[in-house]
Amino acid sequence: MPVNGHVSHWFDGVPAARSPLPGSRDADVCIVGAGYTGLWTAYYLKRAEPALRIVVLEARFAGYGASGRNGGWLSGLVPGDRERVARRYGRDGVLAWQRALNDTVDEVIAVAAREGIDAGIVKGGTLEVARNAAQAERLHAAIAAERRWQVPGIEPLSAAQVTQRIALDGVLAGYHNPHCARIQPARLVRGLAATVCRLGVDLYERSPVTELTPGRAVTPHGTVRAPVILRGTEGFTARLPGLRRRWLPMNSSMIVTERLPDRLWNRIGWEGRETLGDTAHGFFYAQRTVDDRIALGGRSVPYRFGSRIDRDGRVPDRTLRSLTDTLRTILPQTADVAVAHAWCGVLAVPRDWTATVGFDRASGLGWAGGYVGHGVTATNLAARTVTDLVLDRAGELTALPWVGHRCRDWEPEPLRWLGVRGMYLAYRAADRHEARNRRSTSPIAVLADRIAGRPH
């Protein structure tokens, strides 16, 4: 039986946590959350102003949340609906946002090299595939959209060209986007934590923040008083007072296989280490890992009533079976390869499915998040943007359209539970509908997108 829960495969066991906050203290900047957002923000602030006294508070340990459980896609994917954002803020701003995210992939790679962080990075791009006619229609629309948003290097692929890269079964078409790198998520987040500590940032783990107000972050071990308080709590934001409905904690699950022998890799290929996904509504995402396994993820129980979060990360048995079936379907060569580990984690979804970055100078409160599952790269761009906002450095980053973006909160219960559950039941039904040789997107999915306000 595979290991189920226990954070993720990306960690070699649960790491020992650093010491908690040793009592109340003062700082210049207090950052809540030691995931990618918080650690990148601490990094860039400390590099810009070495004299700043920066404290990072983390409830468990660095990378415990989505930063240590994600699919390892360092991609230029925009954490939002480009069309909707363009209607509100203008096309030029969205083009600048997309360019900045593409450039950020290389920024992360450069910083990892400079700081000696071995995160298993290979910039092989992303391979998106379609496995039925309706998915192929969406794939061609996605290619057109990437070109409309001036994403360079998009390469349409025939089924034969896809299988030359990865010997996938049942593929009709695909495309390659070069703006993505495979990473080992926990190595990146733990490397960042070690780097900021080396720079002089005080990182306190096992220090959950129970109250955030201007100038104060309260924990069971004491209070940090600082004129600047920055929140990078992503899927755990709903636990903070007054923020339960701000962002929805959406669940995503993953499995990873045992290590595949060389003879099997010779049959599968995947030599470019591309990240891999499809255009189904209940999509999967995958990578060939640093240790030559296959990691594959998708939705499971998408949302728990009352914005509850499963701390252990245990995956329901039916989700484990579903992800395993997906793997066996797309790569039947893995039929005899055992699944070694399964886990889940939460990502933050704003009501309009668009991330935000902000800093209120009057209160000293700042935030970044709501990355809708596209945060591995976006967190770095967000951190550099927050750094410019805090240091009052107006420029290209502070002019991006997600800066100061606001949307309404999610509906109260039971409406949001019913809505999210209904949405994902509809997507599963739509995938079944499309699998019966339908040539265009199921109207079930179109309706679900409209009701949810989700990009499509």
Protein backbone atom coordinates (compact mmCIF):
# COMPACT_ATOMS: atom_id res chain seq x y z
CA MET A 1 0.00 0.00 0.00
CA PRO A 2 1.27 3.51 -0.77
CA VAL A 3 2.02 6.03 1.93
CA ASN A 4 -1.05 8.26 2.18
CA GLY A 5 -0.75 11.79 3.52
CA HIS A 6 2.23 12.85 5.65
CA VAL A 7 2.69 16.16 3.76
CA SER A 8 4.14 14.94 0.42
CA HIS A 9 6.69 12.79 -1.36
CA TRP A 10 8.77 15.90 -2.00
CA PHE A 11 10.00 15.84 1.59
CA ASP A 12 12.26 13.03 2.75
CA GLY A 13 10.08 12.46 5.77
CA VAL A 14 8.61 15.32 7.79
CA PRO A 15 11.47 17.77 8.41
CA ALA A 16 12.41 18.94 11.87
CA ALA A 17 10.88 22.34 12.51
CA ARG A 18 12.87 25.39 13.56
CA SER A 19 12.29 26.96 16.96
CA PRO A 20 9.06 28.87 17.61
CA LEU A 21 8.89 32.57 18.36
CA PRO A 22 10.68 32.96 21.73
CA GLY A 23 8.38 35.72 22.98
CA SER A 24 7.10 39.12 21.94
CA ARG A 25 9.45 41.26 19.91
CA ASP A 26 9.66 44.23 17.54
CA ALA A 27 10.60 44.15 13.85
CA ASP A 28 10.55 46.37 10.79
CA VAL A 29 8.64 43.81 8.70
CA CYS A 30 6.67 40.76 9.81
CA ILE A 31 5.76 38.19 7.17
CA VAL A 32 3.10 35.59 7.92
CA GLY A 33 3.63 32.29 6.10
CA ALA A 34 6.88 30.56 5.14
CA GLY A 35 5.85 29.29 1.75
CA TYR A 36 7.12 30.62 -1.55
CA THR A 37 5.33 33.97 -1.18
CA GLY A 38 6.67 34.74 2.28
CA LEU A 39 10.18 33.46 1.70
CA TRP A 40 10.63 35.18 -1.67
CA THR A 41 9.37 38.42 -0.10
CA ALA A 42 11.83 38.11 2.77
CA TYR A 43 14.60 37.37 0.27
CA TYR A 44 14.02 40.40 -1.94
CA LEU A 45 13.38 42.81 0.95
CA LYS A 46 16.57 41.71 2.71
CA ARG A 47 18.60 41.93 -0.50
CA ALA A 48 17.24 45.44 -1.16
CA GLU A 49 17.58 46.73 2.43
CA PRO A 50 19.99 44.52 4.45
CA ALA A 51 19.41 46.53 7.63
CA LEU A 52 15.71 45.65 7.78
CA ARG A 53 14.72 43.53 10.77
CA ILE A 54 12.50 40.89 9.15
CA VAL A 55 10.57 38.21 11.01
CA VAL A 56 8.81 35.34 9.24
CA LEU A 57 6.17 33.40 11.20
CA GLU A 58 5.10 29.92 10.09
CA ALA A 59 2.43 27.72 11.68
CA ARG A 60 4.19 24.40 11.00
CA PHE A 61 7.42 24.41 8.97
CA ALA A 62 8.63 26.10 5.80
CA GLY A 63 6.87 24.57 2.82
CA TYR A 64 4.18 22.78 4.81
CA GLY A 65 1.44 24.19 2.57
CA ALA A 66 1.12 24.29 -1.20
CA SER A 67 4.80 25.23 -1.63
CA GLY A 68 5.79 21.73 -0.51
CA ARG A 69 2.92 19.79 -2.10
CA ASN A 70 2.49 21.19 -5.63
CA GLY A 71 3.13 19.58 -9.00
CA GLY A 72 6.49 21.26 -9.55
CA TRP A 73 5.55 23.44 -12.53
CA LEU A 74 7.69 26.59 -12.62
CA SER A 75 5.53 28.00 -15.42
CA GLY A 76 4.52 31.29 -16.98
CA LEU A 77 0.83 30.47 -16.55
CA VAL A 78 -1.15 33.56 -15.54
CA PRO A 79 -2.98 33.14 -12.21
CA GLY A 80 -6.17 34.63 -13.54
CA ASP A 81 -8.48 35.16 -16.49
CA ARG A 82 -6.53 37.24 -19.00
CA GLU A 83 -9.62 38.26 -20.98
CA ARG A 84 -11.53 39.42 -17.92
CA VAL A 85 -8.54 41.28 -16.48
CA ALA A 86 -7.96 42.98 -19.85
CA ARG A 87 -11.57 44.19 -19.96
CA ARG A 88 -11.13 45.75 -16.54
CA TYR A 89 -7.56 47.07 -16.68
CA GLY A 90 -6.59 47.09 -20.36
CA ARG A 91 -4.88 44.72 -22.76
CA ASP A 92 -1.43 46.30 -22.46
CA GLY A 93 -1.33 45.60 -18.73
CA VAL A 94 -2.14 41.93 -19.24
CA LEU A 95 0.50 41.64 -21.95
CA ALA A 96 3.03 43.11 -19.51
CA TRP A 97 1.85 40.68 -16.82
CA GLN A 98 2.29 37.70 -19.13
CA ARG A 99 5.78 38.83 -20.18
CA ALA A 100 6.75 39.36 -16.55
CA LEU A 101 5.65 35.84 -15.62
CA ASN A 102 7.57 34.30 -18.52
CA ASP A 103 10.66 36.25 -17.45
CA THR A 104 10.12 35.17 -13.84
CA VAL A 105 10.73 31.53 -14.78
CA ASP A 106 14.30 32.51 -15.64
CA GLU A 107 14.56 34.74 -12.55
CA VAL A 108 13.83 31.79 -10.24
CA ILE A 109 16.34 29.63 -12.11
CA ALA A 110 18.98 32.37 -11.82
CA VAL A 111 18.43 32.92 -8.08
CA ALA A 112 18.54 29.18 -7.38
CA ALA A 113 21.90 29.00 -9.19
CA ARG A 114 23.26 32.08 -7.44
CA GLU A 115 22.25 30.89 -3.97
CA GLY A 116 23.28 27.28 -4.47
CA ILE A 117 19.74 25.88 -4.24
CA ASP A 118 19.54 22.49 -5.97
CA ALA A 119 15.86 22.31 -6.83
CA GLY A 120 16.18 19.75 -9.62
CA ILE A 121 15.35 22.41 -12.22
CA VAL A 122 15.12 21.42 -15.88
CA LYS A 123 13.60 23.96 -18.27
CA GLY A 124 11.92 21.55 -20.66
CA GLY A 125 8.72 23.51 -21.17
CA THR A 126 5.18 22.20 -20.88
CA LEU A 127 3.45 19.67 -23.09
CA GLU A 128 -0.35 20.06 -23.26
CA VAL A 129 -2.27 17.22 -24.93
CA ALA A 130 -5.78 16.40 -26.08
CA ARG A 131 -7.21 12.89 -25.85
CA ASN A 132 -10.58 13.30 -27.59
CA ALA A 133 -12.15 15.58 -30.18
CA ALA A 134 -13.65 18.06 -27.69
CA GLN A 135 -10.34 18.36 -25.87
CA ALA A 136 -8.62 18.91 -29.23
CA GLU A 137 -10.99 21.78 -29.99
CA ARG A 138 -10.08 23.41 -26.66
CA LEU A 139 -6.40 22.74 -27.28
CA HIS A 140 -6.50 24.58 -30.62
CA ALA A 141 -8.36 27.44 -28.92
CA ALA A 142 -5.65 27.51 -26.24
CA ILE A 143 -2.94 27.75 -28.92
CA ALA A 144 -4.78 30.67 -30.49
CA ALA A 145 -5.12 32.35 -27.09
CA GLU A 146 -1.41 31.97 -26.29
CA ARG A 147 -0.57 33.59 -29.62
CA ARG A 148 -3.15 36.33 -29.08
CA TRP A 149 -1.39 37.11 -25.80
CA GLN A 150 1.95 37.13 -27.60
CA VAL A 151 3.45 34.16 -25.76
CA PRO A 152 6.50 33.31 -27.88
CA GLY A 153 7.59 29.82 -28.84
CA ILE A 154 4.22 28.03 -28.85
CA GLU A 155 4.62 24.93 -31.02
CA PRO A 156 1.57 22.95 -32.21
CA LEU A 157 2.24 19.21 -32.29
CA SER A 158 0.65 16.31 -34.11
CA ALA A 159 -0.11 13.08 -32.27
CA ALA A 160 3.08 11.57 -33.70
CA GLN A 161 5.16 14.54 -32.57
CA VAL A 162 3.71 14.27 -29.07
CA THR A 163 4.50 10.58 -28.79
CA GLN A 164 8.04 11.17 -30.03
CA ARG A 165 8.52 13.17 -26.83
CA ILE A 166 6.46 11.00 -24.48
CA ALA A 167 4.92 7.69 -25.56
CA LEU A 168 1.41 8.61 -24.41
CA ASP A 169 -1.57 6.50 -25.37
CA GLY A 170 -4.65 7.86 -27.16
CA VAL A 171 -3.36 11.36 -27.88
CA LEU A 172 -4.86 13.30 -30.81
CA ALA A 173 -2.81 16.50 -30.68
CA GLY A 174 -0.73 18.71 -28.44
CA TYR A 175 1.36 21.82 -28.14
CA HIS A 176 4.60 22.76 -26.44
CA ASN A 177 5.05 25.93 -24.39
CA PRO A 178 8.74 26.62 -23.60
CA HIS A 179 8.03 28.85 -20.58
CA CYS A 180 8.11 26.19 -17.89
CA ALA A 181 10.65 24.23 -15.86
CA ARG A 182 10.31 21.04 -13.85
CA ILE A 183 11.31 21.54 -10.21
CA GLN A 184 11.41 19.56 -6.98
CA PRO A 185 9.12 21.80 -4.88
CA ALA A 186 10.39 20.99 -1.37
CA ARG A 187 14.02 21.47 -2.37
CA LEU A 188 13.19 24.96 -3.61
CA VAL A 189 11.22 26.02 -0.53
CA ARG A 190 13.69 24.54 1.96
CA GLY A 191 16.58 26.06 0.03
CA LEU A 192 14.87 29.45 0.16
CA ALA A 193 14.32 29.10 3.90
CA ALA A 194 17.99 28.35 4.47
CA THR A 195 18.98 31.26 2.23
CA VAL A 196 16.89 33.90 4.00
CA CYS A 197 18.12 32.70 7.38
CA ARG A 198 21.69 33.01 6.13
CA LEU A 199 20.90 36.59 5.06
CA GLY A 200 19.77 37.45 8.59
CA VAL A 201 16.00 36.96 8.44
CA ASP A 202 14.48 35.50 11.61
CA LEU A 203 12.30 32.51 10.65
CA TYR A 204 10.18 31.07 13.43
CA GLU A 205 8.30 27.83 12.78
CA ARG A 206 5.61 26.23 14.95
CA SER A 207 4.30 29.78 15.45
CA PRO A 208 0.72 30.01 14.11
CA VAL A 209 -0.67 33.53 13.79
CA THR A 210 -4.09 33.78 15.40
CA GLU A 211 -4.72 37.48 14.86
CA LEU A 212 -3.51 40.03 12.32
CA THR A 213 -4.11 43.74 12.86
CA PRO A 214 -2.18 46.84 11.79
CA GLY A 215 1.17 46.69 13.53
CA ARG A 216 0.60 43.34 15.27
CA ALA A 217 0.83 39.61 14.48
CA VAL A 218 -0.31 37.56 17.47
CA THR A 219 0.84 33.97 18.12
CA PRO A 220 0.49 31.67 21.16
CA HIS A 221 4.16 32.39 21.90
CA GLY A 222 4.04 36.16 21.77
CA THR A 223 3.28 39.12 19.54
CA VAL A 224 5.43 40.56 16.78
CA ARG A 225 5.00 44.32 16.50
CA ALA A 226 6.02 45.83 13.18
CA PRO A 227 4.92 48.80 11.05
CA VAL A 228 4.69 46.47 8.04
CA ILE A 229 2.75 43.18 8.25
CA LEU A 230 2.61 41.06 5.09
CA ARG A 231 0.31 38.08 4.59
CA GLY A 232 1.36 35.12 2.41
CA THR A 233 -0.97 32.46 3.78
CA GLU A 234 -2.58 31.31 0.46
CA GLY A 235 -4.91 28.31 1.09
CA PHE A 236 -4.71 28.78 4.87
CA THR A 237 -6.02 32.38 4.71
CA ALA A 238 -9.53 31.23 5.65
CA ARG A 239 -8.27 30.41 9.14
CA LEU A 240 -7.55 34.04 9.94
CA PRO A 241 -10.26 36.13 11.63
CA GLY A 242 -12.38 38.05 9.14
CA LEU A 243 -10.95 36.26 6.10
CA ARG A 244 -12.93 33.01 6.00
CA ARG A 245 -14.68 33.93 2.74
CA ARG A 246 -11.83 35.89 1.11
CA TRP A 247 -10.26 32.95 -0.76
CA LEU A 248 -11.59 29.44 -1.14
CA PRO A 249 -9.19 26.66 -0.01
CA MET A 250 -9.41 24.30 -3.01
CA ASN A 251 -7.99 20.80 -2.72
CA SER A 252 -5.72 19.12 -5.23
CA SER A 253 -4.26 15.62 -4.92
CA MET A 254 -1.18 13.85 -6.22
CA ILE A 255 0.35 10.41 -6.53
CA VAL A 256 3.93 9.41 -7.25
CA THR A 257 5.13 6.04 -8.47
CA GLU A 258 8.02 3.93 -7.42
CA ARG A 259 11.20 4.66 -9.37
CA LEU A 260 10.90 3.43 -12.96
CA PRO A 261 13.75 1.28 -14.30
CA ASP A 262 15.78 2.46 -17.28
CA ARG A 263 14.23 -0.15 -19.57
CA LEU A 264 10.80 1.39 -18.94
CA TRP A 265 12.03 4.93 -19.49
CA ASN A 266 13.48 3.75 -22.79
CA ARG A 267 9.94 2.82 -23.81
CA ILE A 268 8.29 5.97 -22.45
CA GLY A 269 10.84 8.61 -23.43
CA TRP A 270 10.21 11.89 -21.58
CA GLU A 271 13.89 12.75 -22.01
CA GLY A 272 13.14 16.49 -22.13
CA ARG A 273 11.57 16.42 -18.64
CA GLU A 274 8.64 18.49 -19.91
CA THR A 275 5.79 19.04 -17.50
CA LEU A 276 2.67 17.37 -18.84
CA GLY A 277 -1.03 18.21 -18.75
CA ASP A 278 -4.26 17.75 -20.68
CA THR A 279 -7.29 19.82 -21.63
CA ALA A 280 -9.95 17.74 -19.87
CA HIS A 281 -12.20 19.59 -17.44
CA GLY A 282 -10.99 17.28 -14.67
CA PHE A 283 -7.47 17.80 -15.94
CA PHE A 284 -4.30 16.08 -14.80
CA TYR A 285 -0.80 17.53 -14.36
CA ALA A 286 2.40 15.49 -14.24
CA GLN A 287 6.18 15.47 -14.28
CA ARG A 288 9.12 13.07 -14.50
CA THR A 289 10.72 13.59 -11.12
CA VAL A 290 14.34 14.15 -10.16
CA ASP A 291 14.46 10.57 -8.86
CA ASP A 292 12.92 9.12 -12.06
CA ARG A 293 9.38 8.54 -10.86
CA ILE A 294 6.15 9.85 -12.35
CA ALA A 295 4.22 12.34 -10.24
CA LEU A 296 0.64 13.01 -11.34
CA GLY A 297 -2.04 15.18 -9.83
CA GLY A 298 -5.66 16.24 -10.23
CA ARG A 299 -8.73 17.26 -8.28
CA SER A 300 -10.13 15.04 -5.54
CA VAL A 301 -12.60 16.27 -2.93
CA PRO A 302 -12.39 19.81 -4.25
CA TYR A 303 -13.62 21.65 -1.16
CA ARG A 304 -14.54 20.83 2.41
CA PHE A 305 -17.56 22.44 4.05
CA GLY A 306 -16.81 25.60 6.02
CA SER A 307 -13.40 26.08 4.36
CA ARG A 308 -11.97 23.28 6.49
CA ILE A 309 -8.46 22.04 5.72
CA ASP A 310 -7.24 18.46 6.11
CA ARG A 311 -3.98 18.87 7.99
CA ASP A 312 -2.63 15.37 7.31
CA GLY A 313 -3.02 15.54 3.53
CA ARG A 314 -4.63 12.13 3.29
CA VAL A 315 -6.21 11.32 -0.09
CA PRO A 316 -9.55 9.48 -0.26
CA ASP A 317 -9.23 5.94 -1.62
CA ARG A 318 -11.45 6.74 -4.61
CA THR A 319 -9.16 9.64 -5.57
CA LEU A 320 -6.09 7.43 -5.31
CA ARG A 321 -7.80 4.93 -7.62
CA SER A 322 -8.87 7.66 -10.03
CA LEU A 323 -5.39 9.18 -10.34
CA THR A 324 -3.86 5.71 -10.70
CA ASP A 325 -6.37 4.90 -13.47
CA THR A 326 -5.46 8.14 -15.24
CA LEU A 327 -1.77 7.24 -15.11
CA ARG A 328 -2.40 3.72 -16.42
CA THR A 329 -4.62 5.09 -19.21
CA ILE A 330 -2.18 7.66 -20.56
CA LEU A 331 0.90 5.49 -19.96
CA PRO A 332 -0.13 1.83 -20.07
CA GLN A 333 3.58 0.98 -19.84
CA THR A 334 3.24 1.71 -16.08
CA ALA A 335 0.67 -1.05 -15.49
CA ASP A 336 3.04 -2.94 -13.20
CA VAL A 337 4.60 0.10 -11.50
CA ALA A 338 3.35 0.61 -7.96
CA VAL A 339 2.19 3.92 -6.53
CA ALA A 340 4.50 4.85 -3.66
CA HIS A 341 2.86 7.91 -2.10
CA ALA A 342 -0.36 9.92 -2.31
CA TRP A 343 -1.10 13.31 -0.76
CA CYS A 344 -3.24 16.39 -1.12
CA GLY A 345 -2.96 20.09 -0.35
CA VAL A 346 -4.91 23.31 -0.68
CA LEU A 347 -4.58 26.21 -3.07
CA ALA A 348 -6.36 29.56 -2.76
CA VAL A 349 -9.07 30.58 -5.23
CA PRO A 350 -10.55 34.10 -5.23
CA ARG A 351 -14.17 34.49 -6.31
CA ASP A 352 -13.10 35.78 -9.74
CA TRP A 353 -10.24 33.25 -10.10
CA THR A 354 -7.63 36.04 -10.28
CA ALA A 355 -4.67 36.50 -7.94
CA THR A 356 -3.90 39.78 -6.21
CA VAL A 357 -1.00 41.72 -4.73
CA GLY A 358 -1.43 44.76 -2.51
CA PHE A 359 -0.03 47.01 0.19
CA ASP A 360 -1.98 49.58 2.18
CA ARG A 361 0.56 52.15 3.30
CA ALA A 362 -1.82 53.71 5.82
CA SER A 363 -2.30 50.50 7.80
CA GLY A 364 1.00 48.85 6.89
CA LEU A 365 -0.84 45.68 5.85
CA GLY A 366 0.11 43.86 2.65
CA TRP A 367 -0.84 40.62 0.94
CA ALA A 368 -0.25 38.43 -2.07
CA GLY A 369 -1.98 35.27 -3.17
CA GLY A 370 -5.01 33.60 -4.65
CA TYR A 371 -2.84 31.97 -7.32
CA VAL A 372 -5.50 29.41 -8.40
CA GLY A 373 -2.88 26.68 -8.64
CA HIS A 374 -0.39 28.68 -10.75
CA GLY A 375 1.72 29.99 -7.89
CA VAL A 376 5.18 28.44 -8.21
CA THR A 377 6.31 31.23 -10.56
CA ALA A 378 3.73 33.85 -9.62
CA THR A 379 4.89 33.89 -5.99
CA ASN A 380 8.31 35.18 -7.06
CA LEU A 381 6.79 37.94 -9.19
CA ALA A 382 4.39 38.78 -6.36
CA ALA A 383 7.23 38.98 -3.84
CA ARG A 384 9.27 41.33 -6.01
CA THR A 385 6.15 43.44 -6.52
CA VAL A 386 5.37 43.58 -2.79
CA THR A 387 9.00 44.54 -2.16
CA ASP A 388 8.65 47.50 -4.52
CA LEU A 389 5.35 48.51 -2.91
CA VAL A 390 6.76 48.36 0.63
CA LEU A 391 9.89 50.29 -0.35
CA ASP A 392 7.78 52.80 -2.31
CA ARG A 393 9.54 52.06 -5.59
CA ALA A 394 7.05 52.69 -8.39
CA GLY A 395 7.92 50.91 -11.60
CA GLU A 396 6.90 48.27 -14.12
CA LEU A 397 5.98 45.68 -11.50
CA THR A 398 3.80 47.96 -9.40
CA ALA A 399 1.86 48.92 -12.56
CA LEU A 400 0.82 45.33 -13.32
CA PRO A 401 -2.95 44.77 -13.29
CA TRP A 402 -3.06 42.41 -10.31
CA VAL A 403 -1.69 45.12 -8.02
CA GLY A 404 -4.53 46.35 -5.85
CA HIS A 405 -7.02 44.08 -7.61
CA ARG A 406 -10.11 43.36 -5.53
CA CYS A 407 -13.07 41.04 -5.94
CA ARG A 408 -16.05 40.11 -3.82
CA ASP A 409 -15.88 37.40 -1.19
CA TRP A 410 -17.22 33.90 -1.69
CA GLU A 411 -20.82 33.17 -0.74
CA PRO A 412 -21.65 32.05 2.81
CA GLU A 413 -22.25 28.39 3.58
CA PRO A 414 -23.90 26.23 2.48
CA LEU A 415 -23.95 28.08 -0.84
CA ARG A 416 -20.22 27.89 -1.56
CA TRP A 417 -20.04 24.18 -0.67
CA LEU A 418 -23.04 23.42 -2.88
CA GLY A 419 -21.66 25.59 -5.68
CA VAL A 420 -18.16 24.09 -5.71
CA ARG A 421 -19.40 20.53 -5.33
CA GLY A 422 -21.93 21.06 -8.10
CA MET A 423 -19.29 22.60 -10.35
CA TYR A 424 -16.95 19.62 -10.11
CA LEU A 425 -19.76 17.10 -10.47
CA ALA A 426 -20.66 18.98 -13.65
CA TYR A 427 -17.07 18.85 -14.92
CA ARG A 428 -16.89 15.10 -14.35
CA ALA A 429 -20.18 14.69 -16.20
CA ALA A 430 -18.88 16.88 -19.01
CA ASP A 431 -15.74 14.75 -19.39
CA ARG A 432 -17.90 11.61 -19.60
CA HIS A 433 -20.13 13.35 -22.15
CA GLU A 434 -17.15 14.34 -24.29
CA ALA A 435 -15.63 10.87 -24.10
CA ARG A 436 -18.64 9.60 -26.12
CA ASN A 437 -17.17 11.02 -29.36
CA ARG A 438 -18.57 14.51 -28.86
CA ARG A 439 -16.64 16.94 -31.09
CA SER A 440 -17.07 20.15 -29.09
CA THR A 441 -17.07 21.22 -25.44
CA SER A 442 -19.99 19.81 -23.50
CA PRO A 443 -22.67 22.42 -22.66
CA ILE A 444 -22.57 21.05 -19.12
CA ALA A 445 -19.04 22.45 -18.71
CA VAL A 446 -19.95 25.74 -20.40
CA LEU A 447 -22.76 26.25 -17.90
CA ALA A 448 -20.54 25.27 -14.97
CA ASP A 449 -17.90 27.81 -16.06
CA ARG A 450 -20.47 30.59 -16.28
CA ILE A 451 -21.98 29.85 -12.89
CA ALA A 452 -18.58 29.60 -11.19
CA GLY A 453 -17.10 32.62 -12.96
CA ARG A 454 -14.17 30.41 -13.94
CA PRO A 455 -11.89 31.16 -16.92
CA HIS A 456 -12.63 29.03 -19.98
